[in-house]
Amino acid sequence: MTTFETVTPVATPPKPMFRINWVRLAPFLYTIGLFVIWELAVRISGLPHTILPAPSRVFEAIVQYWSPIWKNSVQTLYTTVLGFLIAVVAGLGIGLFIGWSKTIYAGLYPIMIGFNAIPKVALVPILVIWFGIGTVPAVLTAFLISFFPIVVNVATGLATIEPETEDVLRALGAKKMDIMLKVGIPRSMPYFFGSLKVAITLAFVGSVVSETVASNSGLGNMMASAQSNFNVPLVFAGLLMLAVEGIAMYALMAWVEKRMTGWAHRSTMAN
């Protein structure tokens, strides 16, 4: 004889109405904590603002010199983005060309490495001789310093196609161009979009270096002038604006990467 027991359902605890997303709050909390520690360290140590200004003094400088800071920030952002866009087009094209065959890869890759090893600040005087002082050297410096990571990542994506995949496609009648279009380029896209995050931060470095040496505008020029006048809070204000612009552009590139190559990031670490 079979007996049936009555199963009492277990009541599940109610879900909380409001849950704090600590992952999204972490960047803001860590940034605030950094500024608080910085402020306390300066006040406790008694360092003069000509050596290390407190964040409060830096924010006062931003308010006081907001007009030139805004004008020079826009100029730096313009030269950086323009040089970066040129680097994207040139880097993608050169990367595809280098990754087209092993012979081209072996021949041009050492030249690319040697060119990238040259400090870009050493090229600024040459650019000044060719194009004069102004926006053009800053754009070209941003381009020269940021296109190499794009080239390397695109070429690497093409060079890492499995030989077995190529053999199967050739057995099915695929030509070199078919393999490139159907497998090579889609495979290199995660490398390409991932390299944009590195390239955009390097582009800011190139722009500021050129503006410091050979320009009459931009944050680099503003910080150099402030340094000569011992206006250290204004120098740190320029650095803070560069950090804000860099973070914003990096976040934009990360968003583009996620939108374009989200299929390539399936692990829990990527999420």
C-alpha atoms as a PDB file:
ATOM      1  CA  MET A   1       0.000   0.000   0.000  1.00  0.00           C
ATOM      2  CA  THR A   2       1.381   3.336  -1.078  1.00  0.00           C
ATOM      3  CA  THR A   3       1.119   6.249   1.256  1.00  0.00           C
ATOM      4  CA  PHE A   4       1.271   9.806   0.062  1.00  0.00           C
ATOM      5  CA  GLU A   5       2.792  12.416   2.261  1.00  0.00           C
ATOM      6  CA  THR A   6       1.728  16.006   2.057  1.00  0.00           C
ATOM      7  CA  VAL A   7       4.642  18.204   1.013  1.00  0.00           C
ATOM      8  CA  THR A   8       4.563  21.598   2.583  1.00  0.00           C
ATOM      9  CA  PRO A   9       5.957  24.241   0.213  1.00  0.00           C
ATOM     10  CA  VAL A  10       8.916  26.123   1.562  1.00  0.00           C
ATOM     11  CA  ALA A  11       8.361  29.840   1.584  1.00  0.00           C
ATOM     12  CA  THR A  12      11.048  31.716  -0.307  1.00  0.00           C
ATOM     13  CA  PRO A  13      12.291  34.897   1.278  1.00  0.00           C
ATOM     14  CA  PRO A  14      11.122  38.024  -0.487  1.00  0.00           C
ATOM     15  CA  LYS A  15      13.620  39.668  -2.798  1.00  0.00           C
ATOM     16  CA  PRO A  16      14.889  43.023  -1.652  1.00  0.00           C
ATOM     17  CA  MET A  17      13.234  45.945  -3.368  1.00  0.00           C
ATOM     18  CA  PHE A  18      16.516  47.847  -3.725  1.00  0.00           C
ATOM     19  CA  ARG A  19      19.910  46.289  -4.351  1.00  0.00           C
ATOM     20  CA  ILE A  20      23.130  48.268  -4.577  1.00  0.00           C
ATOM     21  CA  ASN A  21      25.211  47.530  -7.650  1.00  0.00           C
ATOM     22  CA  TRP A  22      28.685  47.775  -6.171  1.00  0.00           C
ATOM     23  CA  VAL A  23      30.343  46.991  -9.496  1.00  0.00           C
ATOM     24  CA  ARG A  24      28.950  50.140 -11.102  1.00  0.00           C
ATOM     25  CA  LEU A  25      29.591  52.215  -8.019  1.00  0.00           C
ATOM     26  CA  ALA A  26      33.185  51.001  -7.627  1.00  0.00           C
ATOM     27  CA  PRO A  27      34.788  53.485 -10.078  1.00  0.00           C
ATOM     28  CA  PHE A  28      33.137  56.453  -8.373  1.00  0.00           C
ATOM     29  CA  LEU A  29      33.878  55.216  -4.857  1.00  0.00           C
ATOM     30  CA  TYR A  30      37.535  54.504  -5.650  1.00  0.00           C
ATOM     31  CA  THR A  31      37.942  57.899  -7.336  1.00  0.00           C
ATOM     32  CA  ILE A  32      36.428  59.713  -4.373  1.00  0.00           C
ATOM     33  CA  GLY A  33      38.622  57.697  -2.034  1.00  0.00           C
ATOM     34  CA  LEU A  34      41.714  58.644  -4.044  1.00  0.00           C
ATOM     35  CA  PHE A  35      40.899  62.343  -3.800  1.00  0.00           C
ATOM     36  CA  VAL A  36      40.166  62.081  -0.073  1.00  0.00           C
ATOM     37  CA  ILE A  37      43.485  60.327   0.603  1.00  0.00           C
ATOM     38  CA  TRP A  38      45.281  62.867  -1.572  1.00  0.00           C
ATOM     39  CA  GLU A  39      43.672  65.785   0.270  1.00  0.00           C
ATOM     40  CA  LEU A  40      44.463  64.371   3.706  1.00  0.00           C
ATOM     41  CA  ALA A  41      48.044  63.530   2.747  1.00  0.00           C
ATOM     42  CA  VAL A  42      48.724  67.072   1.558  1.00  0.00           C
ATOM     43  CA  ARG A  43      47.115  68.693   4.588  1.00  0.00           C
ATOM     44  CA  ILE A  44      48.839  66.409   7.101  1.00  0.00           C
ATOM     45  CA  SER A  45      52.273  66.678   5.475  1.00  0.00           C
ATOM     46  CA  GLY A  46      51.955  70.430   4.985  1.00  0.00           C
ATOM     47  CA  LEU A  47      53.386  70.350   1.457  1.00  0.00           C
ATOM     48  CA  PRO A  48      53.187  73.718  -0.333  1.00  0.00           C
ATOM     49  CA  HIS A  49      50.924  73.924  -3.352  1.00  0.00           C
ATOM     50  CA  THR A  50      53.946  74.706  -5.539  1.00  0.00           C
ATOM     51  CA  ILE A  51      55.072  71.089  -5.019  1.00  0.00           C
ATOM     52  CA  LEU A  52      51.842  69.122  -4.649  1.00  0.00           C
ATOM     53  CA  PRO A  53      48.532  70.999  -4.567  1.00  0.00           C
ATOM     54  CA  ALA A  54      45.577  69.468  -2.789  1.00  0.00           C
ATOM     55  CA  PRO A  55      42.574  68.409  -4.889  1.00  0.00           C
ATOM     56  CA  SER A  56      40.580  71.312  -3.473  1.00  0.00           C
ATOM     57  CA  ARG A  57      43.225  73.702  -4.803  1.00  0.00           C
ATOM     58  CA  VAL A  58      43.153  71.966  -8.182  1.00  0.00           C
ATOM     59  CA  PHE A  59      39.364  72.303  -8.419  1.00  0.00           C
ATOM     60  CA  GLU A  60      39.689  75.979  -7.507  1.00  0.00           C
ATOM     61  CA  ALA A  61      42.126  76.361 -10.401  1.00  0.00           C
ATOM     62  CA  ILE A  62      39.642  74.664 -12.743  1.00  0.00           C
ATOM     63  CA  VAL A  63      36.941  77.146 -11.749  1.00  0.00           C
ATOM     64  CA  GLN A  64      39.297  80.112 -11.911  1.00  0.00           C
ATOM     65  CA  TYR A  65      40.795  79.245 -15.316  1.00  0.00           C
ATOM     66  CA  TRP A  66      37.789  77.495 -16.785  1.00  0.00           C
ATOM     67  CA  SER A  67      37.741  79.475 -20.053  1.00  0.00           C
ATOM     68  CA  PRO A  68      41.320  78.661 -21.153  1.00  0.00           C
ATOM     69  CA  ILE A  69      41.029  75.130 -19.778  1.00  0.00           C
ATOM     70  CA  TRP A  70      37.894  74.482 -21.822  1.00  0.00           C
ATOM     71  CA  LYS A  71      39.375  76.027 -24.977  1.00  0.00           C
ATOM     72  CA  ASN A  72      42.597  74.032 -24.742  1.00  0.00           C
ATOM     73  CA  SER A  73      40.757  70.831 -23.790  1.00  0.00           C
ATOM     74  CA  VAL A  74      38.661  71.034 -26.940  1.00  0.00           C
ATOM     75  CA  GLN A  75      41.800  71.623 -29.011  1.00  0.00           C
ATOM     76  CA  THR A  76      43.564  68.604 -27.504  1.00  0.00           C
ATOM     77  CA  LEU A  77      40.495  66.422 -27.975  1.00  0.00           C
ATOM     78  CA  TYR A  78      40.242  67.545 -31.604  1.00  0.00           C
ATOM     79  CA  THR A  79      43.868  66.778 -32.467  1.00  0.00           C
ATOM     80  CA  THR A  80      43.742  63.474 -30.599  1.00  0.00           C
ATOM     81  CA  VAL A  81      40.553  62.216 -32.240  1.00  0.00           C
ATOM     82  CA  LEU A  82      41.681  63.316 -35.705  1.00  0.00           C
ATOM     83  CA  GLY A  83      45.053  61.596 -35.358  1.00  0.00           C
ATOM     84  CA  PHE A  84      43.345  58.528 -33.903  1.00  0.00           C
ATOM     85  CA  LEU A  85      40.885  58.268 -36.801  1.00  0.00           C
ATOM     86  CA  ILE A  86      43.737  58.470 -39.305  1.00  0.00           C
ATOM     87  CA  ALA A  87      45.523  55.759 -37.317  1.00  0.00           C
ATOM     88  CA  VAL A  88      42.421  53.539 -37.418  1.00  0.00           C
ATOM     89  CA  VAL A  89      42.158  53.743 -41.213  1.00  0.00           C
ATOM     90  CA  ALA A  90      45.894  53.388 -41.836  1.00  0.00           C
ATOM     91  CA  GLY A  91      46.382  50.737 -39.144  1.00  0.00           C
ATOM     92  CA  LEU A  92      43.550  48.589 -40.442  1.00  0.00           C
ATOM     93  CA  GLY A  93      44.793  48.820 -44.021  1.00  0.00           C
ATOM     94  CA  ILE A  94      48.444  48.159 -43.180  1.00  0.00           C
ATOM     95  CA  GLY A  95      47.486  45.362 -40.777  1.00  0.00           C
ATOM     96  CA  LEU A  96      45.462  43.603 -43.474  1.00  0.00           C
ATOM     97  CA  PHE A  97      48.315  44.058 -45.930  1.00  0.00           C
ATOM     98  CA  ILE A  98      50.923  42.678 -43.531  1.00  0.00           C
ATOM     99  CA  GLY A  99      48.719  39.748 -42.542  1.00  0.00           C
ATOM    100  CA  TRP A 100      47.963  38.872 -46.166  1.00  0.00           C
ATOM    101  CA  SER A 101      50.942  36.529 -46.476  1.00  0.00           C
ATOM    102  CA  LYS A 102      53.751  35.190 -44.333  1.00  0.00           C
ATOM    103  CA  THR A 103      56.342  36.722 -46.675  1.00  0.00           C
ATOM    104  CA  ILE A 104      54.960  40.241 -46.287  1.00  0.00           C
ATOM    105  CA  TYR A 105      54.583  39.678 -42.551  1.00  0.00           C
ATOM    106  CA  ALA A 106      58.209  38.553 -42.191  1.00  0.00           C
ATOM    107  CA  GLY A 107      59.505  41.409 -44.336  1.00  0.00           C
ATOM    108  CA  LEU A 108      57.609  44.406 -42.967  1.00  0.00           C
ATOM    109  CA  TYR A 109      57.149  43.468 -39.327  1.00  0.00           C
ATOM    110  CA  PRO A 110      60.788  44.171 -38.309  1.00  0.00           C
ATOM    111  CA  ILE A 111      60.568  47.559 -40.036  1.00  0.00           C
ATOM    112  CA  MET A 112      57.387  48.368 -38.116  1.00  0.00           C
ATOM    113  CA  ILE A 113      59.033  47.391 -34.830  1.00  0.00           C
ATOM    114  CA  GLY A 114      62.074  49.538 -35.560  1.00  0.00           C
ATOM    115  CA  PHE A 115      59.889  52.522 -36.424  1.00  0.00           C
ATOM    116  CA  ASN A 116      57.814  52.077 -33.290  1.00  0.00           C
ATOM    117  CA  ALA A 117      60.973  51.937 -31.169  1.00  0.00           C
ATOM    118  CA  ILE A 118      61.835  55.518 -32.156  1.00  0.00           C
ATOM    119  CA  PRO A 119      60.654  57.936 -29.431  1.00  0.00           C
ATOM    120  CA  LYS A 120      57.936  60.042 -31.006  1.00  0.00           C
ATOM    121  CA  VAL A 121      59.122  63.145 -29.174  1.00  0.00           C
ATOM    122  CA  ALA A 122      62.265  62.922 -31.333  1.00  0.00           C
ATOM    123  CA  LEU A 123      60.092  63.192 -34.449  1.00  0.00           C
ATOM    124  CA  VAL A 124      58.327  66.376 -33.346  1.00  0.00           C
ATOM    125  CA  PRO A 125      61.191  68.723 -34.398  1.00  0.00           C
ATOM    126  CA  ILE A 126      61.160  67.091 -37.850  1.00  0.00           C
ATOM    127  CA  LEU A 127      57.402  67.580 -38.113  1.00  0.00           C
ATOM    128  CA  VAL A 128      57.835  71.225 -37.104  1.00  0.00           C
ATOM    129  CA  ILE A 129      60.385  71.715 -39.889  1.00  0.00           C
ATOM    130  CA  TRP A 130      57.997  70.167 -42.398  1.00  0.00           C
ATOM    131  CA  PHE A 131      54.649  71.604 -41.245  1.00  0.00           C
ATOM    132  CA  GLY A 132      55.461  74.401 -38.803  1.00  0.00           C
ATOM    133  CA  ILE A 133      54.143  74.938 -35.286  1.00  0.00           C
ATOM    134  CA  GLY A 134      50.458  74.243 -34.764  1.00  0.00           C
ATOM    135  CA  THR A 135      47.809  71.582 -35.095  1.00  0.00           C
ATOM    136  CA  VAL A 136      49.356  69.437 -37.837  1.00  0.00           C
ATOM    137  CA  PRO A 137      52.368  68.184 -35.813  1.00  0.00           C
ATOM    138  CA  ALA A 138      50.062  67.270 -32.920  1.00  0.00           C
ATOM    139  CA  VAL A 139      47.721  65.328 -35.214  1.00  0.00           C
ATOM    140  CA  LEU A 140      50.607  63.500 -36.876  1.00  0.00           C
ATOM    141  CA  THR A 141      52.240  62.681 -33.550  1.00  0.00           C
ATOM    142  CA  ALA A 142      48.956  61.258 -32.258  1.00  0.00           C
ATOM    143  CA  PHE A 143      48.702  59.212 -35.447  1.00  0.00           C
ATOM    144  CA  LEU A 144      52.288  57.921 -35.344  1.00  0.00           C
ATOM    145  CA  ILE A 145      52.097  56.783 -31.731  1.00  0.00           C
ATOM    146  CA  SER A 146      48.679  55.125 -31.939  1.00  0.00           C
ATOM    147  CA  PHE A 147      48.607  53.265 -35.248  1.00  0.00           C
ATOM    148  CA  PHE A 148      51.190  50.596 -34.333  1.00  0.00           C
ATOM    149  CA  PRO A 149      48.964  48.711 -31.819  1.00  0.00           C
ATOM    150  CA  ILE A 150      46.212  48.600 -34.427  1.00  0.00           C
ATOM    151  CA  VAL A 151      48.556  47.218 -37.088  1.00  0.00           C
ATOM    152  CA  VAL A 152      49.970  44.581 -34.738  1.00  0.00           C
ATOM    153  CA  ASN A 153      46.584  43.352 -33.532  1.00  0.00           C
ATOM    154  CA  VAL A 154      45.019  43.146 -37.001  1.00  0.00           C
ATOM    155  CA  ALA A 155      48.067  41.351 -38.406  1.00  0.00           C
ATOM    156  CA  THR A 156      48.071  38.996 -35.401  1.00  0.00           C
ATOM    157  CA  GLY A 157      44.418  38.165 -35.926  1.00  0.00           C
ATOM    158  CA  LEU A 158      45.108  37.220 -39.527  1.00  0.00           C
ATOM    159  CA  ALA A 159      48.298  35.328 -38.720  1.00  0.00           C
ATOM    160  CA  THR A 160      46.616  33.119 -36.121  1.00  0.00           C
ATOM    161  CA  ILE A 161      44.225  31.395 -38.503  1.00  0.00           C
ATOM    162  CA  GLU A 162      44.575  27.645 -37.946  1.00  0.00           C
ATOM    163  CA  PRO A 163      46.290  25.873 -40.860  1.00  0.00           C
ATOM    164  CA  GLU A 164      43.658  23.145 -40.618  1.00  0.00           C
ATOM    165  CA  THR A 165      40.944  25.722 -41.314  1.00  0.00           C
ATOM    166  CA  GLU A 166      42.791  26.990 -44.372  1.00  0.00           C
ATOM    167  CA  ASP A 167      43.325  23.451 -45.640  1.00  0.00           C
ATOM    168  CA  VAL A 168      39.635  22.616 -45.305  1.00  0.00           C
ATOM    169  CA  LEU A 169      38.591  25.809 -47.090  1.00  0.00           C
ATOM    170  CA  ARG A 170      41.063  25.223 -49.902  1.00  0.00           C
ATOM    171  CA  ALA A 171      39.793  21.662 -50.251  1.00  0.00           C
ATOM    172  CA  LEU A 172      36.314  23.121 -50.678  1.00  0.00           C
ATOM    173  CA  GLY A 173      37.567  25.361 -53.475  1.00  0.00           C
ATOM    174  CA  ALA A 174      38.079  28.605 -51.537  1.00  0.00           C
ATOM    175  CA  LYS A 175      40.657  31.049 -52.838  1.00  0.00           C
ATOM    176  CA  LYS A 176      43.005  33.277 -50.843  1.00  0.00           C
ATOM    177  CA  MET A 177      40.590  36.206 -51.031  1.00  0.00           C
ATOM    178  CA  ASP A 178      37.685  34.010 -49.896  1.00  0.00           C
ATOM    179  CA  ILE A 179      39.639  32.856 -46.845  1.00  0.00           C
ATOM    180  CA  MET A 180      40.553  36.444 -46.040  1.00  0.00           C
ATOM    181  CA  LEU A 181      36.987  37.764 -46.350  1.00  0.00           C
ATOM    182  CA  LYS A 182      35.121  34.853 -44.769  1.00  0.00           C
ATOM    183  CA  VAL A 183      37.550  33.844 -41.990  1.00  0.00           C
ATOM    184  CA  GLY A 184      40.544  36.165 -41.677  1.00  0.00           C
ATOM    185  CA  ILE A 185      38.863  39.547 -41.364  1.00  0.00           C
ATOM    186  CA  PRO A 186      36.044  38.375 -39.020  1.00  0.00           C
ATOM    187  CA  ARG A 187      38.642  36.619 -36.872  1.00  0.00           C
ATOM    188  CA  SER A 188      40.799  39.753 -36.619  1.00  0.00           C
ATOM    189  CA  MET A 189      37.911  42.031 -35.627  1.00  0.00           C
ATOM    190  CA  PRO A 190      38.104  41.257 -31.875  1.00  0.00           C
ATOM    191  CA  TYR A 191      41.823  42.058 -32.025  1.00  0.00           C
ATOM    192  CA  PHE A 192      41.116  45.236 -33.979  1.00  0.00           C
ATOM    193  CA  PHE A 193      38.424  46.635 -31.708  1.00  0.00           C
ATOM    194  CA  GLY A 194      40.391  45.611 -28.630  1.00  0.00           C
ATOM    195  CA  SER A 195      43.402  47.569 -29.910  1.00  0.00           C
ATOM    196  CA  LEU A 196      41.332  50.748 -30.187  1.00  0.00           C
ATOM    197  CA  LYS A 197      41.250  51.068 -26.391  1.00  0.00           C
ATOM    198  CA  VAL A 198      45.040  51.052 -26.276  1.00  0.00           C
ATOM    199  CA  ALA A 199      45.436  53.285 -29.326  1.00  0.00           C
ATOM    200  CA  ILE A 200      43.161  56.079 -28.087  1.00  0.00           C
ATOM    201  CA  THR A 201      45.095  56.456 -24.835  1.00  0.00           C
ATOM    202  CA  LEU A 202      48.383  56.552 -26.740  1.00  0.00           C
ATOM    203  CA  ALA A 203      46.934  59.184 -29.076  1.00  0.00           C
ATOM    204  CA  PHE A 204      46.466  61.519 -26.101  1.00  0.00           C
ATOM    205  CA  VAL A 205      50.121  61.007 -25.190  1.00  0.00           C
ATOM    206  CA  GLY A 206      51.202  61.956 -28.700  1.00  0.00           C
ATOM    207  CA  SER A 207      49.031  65.062 -28.825  1.00  0.00           C
ATOM    208  CA  VAL A 208      50.194  66.381 -25.468  1.00  0.00           C
ATOM    209  CA  VAL A 209      53.868  65.718 -26.254  1.00  0.00           C
ATOM    210  CA  SER A 210      53.603  67.676 -29.487  1.00  0.00           C
ATOM    211  CA  GLU A 211      51.583  70.479 -27.889  1.00  0.00           C
ATOM    212  CA  THR A 212      54.181  70.828 -25.163  1.00  0.00           C
ATOM    213  CA  VAL A 213      57.064  71.116 -27.619  1.00  0.00           C
ATOM    214  CA  ALA A 214      55.631  72.712 -30.743  1.00  0.00           C
ATOM    215  CA  SER A 215      52.200  74.290 -30.386  1.00  0.00           C
ATOM    216  CA  ASN A 216      50.559  77.490 -29.261  1.00  0.00           C
ATOM    217  CA  SER A 217      47.349  75.840 -28.033  1.00  0.00           C
ATOM    218  CA  GLY A 218      46.131  72.669 -26.350  1.00  0.00           C
ATOM    219  CA  LEU A 219      46.473  71.303 -22.840  1.00  0.00           C
ATOM    220  CA  GLY A 220      50.139  70.483 -23.361  1.00  0.00           C
ATOM    221  CA  ASN A 221      50.936  74.090 -24.226  1.00  0.00           C
ATOM    222  CA  MET A 222      48.793  75.346 -21.346  1.00  0.00           C
ATOM    223  CA  MET A 223      50.554  73.124 -18.820  1.00  0.00           C
ATOM    224  CA  ALA A 224      53.985  74.131 -20.146  1.00  0.00           C
ATOM    225  CA  SER A 225      53.077  77.807 -19.743  1.00  0.00           C
ATOM    226  CA  ALA A 226      51.685  77.190 -16.264  1.00  0.00           C
ATOM    227  CA  GLN A 227      54.865  75.359 -15.286  1.00  0.00           C
ATOM    228  CA  SER A 228      57.034  78.289 -16.391  1.00  0.00           C
ATOM    229  CA  ASN A 229      54.915  80.550 -14.152  1.00  0.00           C
ATOM    230  CA  PHE A 230      55.060  78.069 -11.225  1.00  0.00           C
ATOM    231  CA  ASN A 231      51.272  77.716 -11.372  1.00  0.00           C
ATOM    232  CA  VAL A 232      51.294  74.099 -10.256  1.00  0.00           C
ATOM    233  CA  PRO A 233      47.532  73.883  -9.502  1.00  0.00           C
ATOM    234  CA  LEU A 234      46.834  74.801 -13.135  1.00  0.00           C
ATOM    235  CA  VAL A 235      49.256  72.096 -14.260  1.00  0.00           C
ATOM    236  CA  PHE A 236      47.365  69.510 -12.212  1.00  0.00           C
ATOM    237  CA  ALA A 237      44.084  70.908 -13.534  1.00  0.00           C
ATOM    238  CA  GLY A 238      45.313  70.194 -17.052  1.00  0.00           C
ATOM    239  CA  LEU A 239      46.326  66.685 -16.031  1.00  0.00           C
ATOM    240  CA  LEU A 240      42.886  66.124 -14.527  1.00  0.00           C
ATOM    241  CA  MET A 241      41.179  67.247 -17.736  1.00  0.00           C
ATOM    242  CA  LEU A 242      43.396  64.902 -19.735  1.00  0.00           C
ATOM    243  CA  ALA A 243      42.401  62.053 -17.431  1.00  0.00           C
ATOM    244  CA  VAL A 244      38.702  62.853 -17.886  1.00  0.00           C
ATOM    245  CA  GLU A 245      39.013  62.965 -21.669  1.00  0.00           C
ATOM    246  CA  GLY A 246      41.050  59.762 -21.730  1.00  0.00           C
ATOM    247  CA  ILE A 247      38.561  57.879 -19.568  1.00  0.00           C
ATOM    248  CA  ALA A 248      35.647  59.097 -21.692  1.00  0.00           C
ATOM    249  CA  MET A 249      37.264  58.041 -24.966  1.00  0.00           C
ATOM    250  CA  TYR A 250      38.379  54.701 -23.510  1.00  0.00           C
ATOM    251  CA  ALA A 251      34.815  54.031 -22.347  1.00  0.00           C
ATOM    252  CA  LEU A 252      33.534  54.887 -25.822  1.00  0.00           C
ATOM    253  CA  MET A 253      35.983  52.457 -27.436  1.00  0.00           C
ATOM    254  CA  ALA A 254      35.030  49.768 -24.919  1.00  0.00           C
ATOM    255  CA  TRP A 255      31.361  50.306 -25.791  1.00  0.00           C
ATOM    256  CA  VAL A 256      32.128  50.034 -29.510  1.00  0.00           C
ATOM    257  CA  GLU A 257      34.124  46.846 -28.869  1.00  0.00           C
ATOM    258  CA  LYS A 258      31.256  45.305 -26.920  1.00  0.00           C
ATOM    259  CA  ARG A 259      28.698  46.243 -29.573  1.00  0.00           C
ATOM    260  CA  MET A 260      30.771  45.013 -32.513  1.00  0.00           C
ATOM    261  CA  THR A 261      32.469  41.924 -31.053  1.00  0.00           C
ATOM    262  CA  GLY A 262      30.247  40.882 -28.169  1.00  0.00           C
ATOM    263  CA  TRP A 263      30.106  37.380 -29.654  1.00  0.00           C
ATOM    264  CA  ALA A 264      33.824  36.969 -28.931  1.00  0.00           C
ATOM    265  CA  HIS A 265      33.457  37.610 -25.186  1.00  0.00           C
ATOM    266  CA  ARG A 266      31.471  34.801 -23.612  1.00  0.00           C
ATOM    267  CA  SER A 267      33.365  34.116 -20.383  1.00  0.00           C
ATOM    268  CA  THR A 268      32.160  35.232 -16.984  1.00  0.00           C
ATOM    269  CA  MET A 269      35.331  37.304 -16.586  1.00  0.00           C
ATOM    270  CA  ALA A 270      34.417  39.334 -19.680  1.00  0.00           C
ATOM    271  CA  ASN A 271      30.964  39.986 -18.287  1.00  0.00           C
END
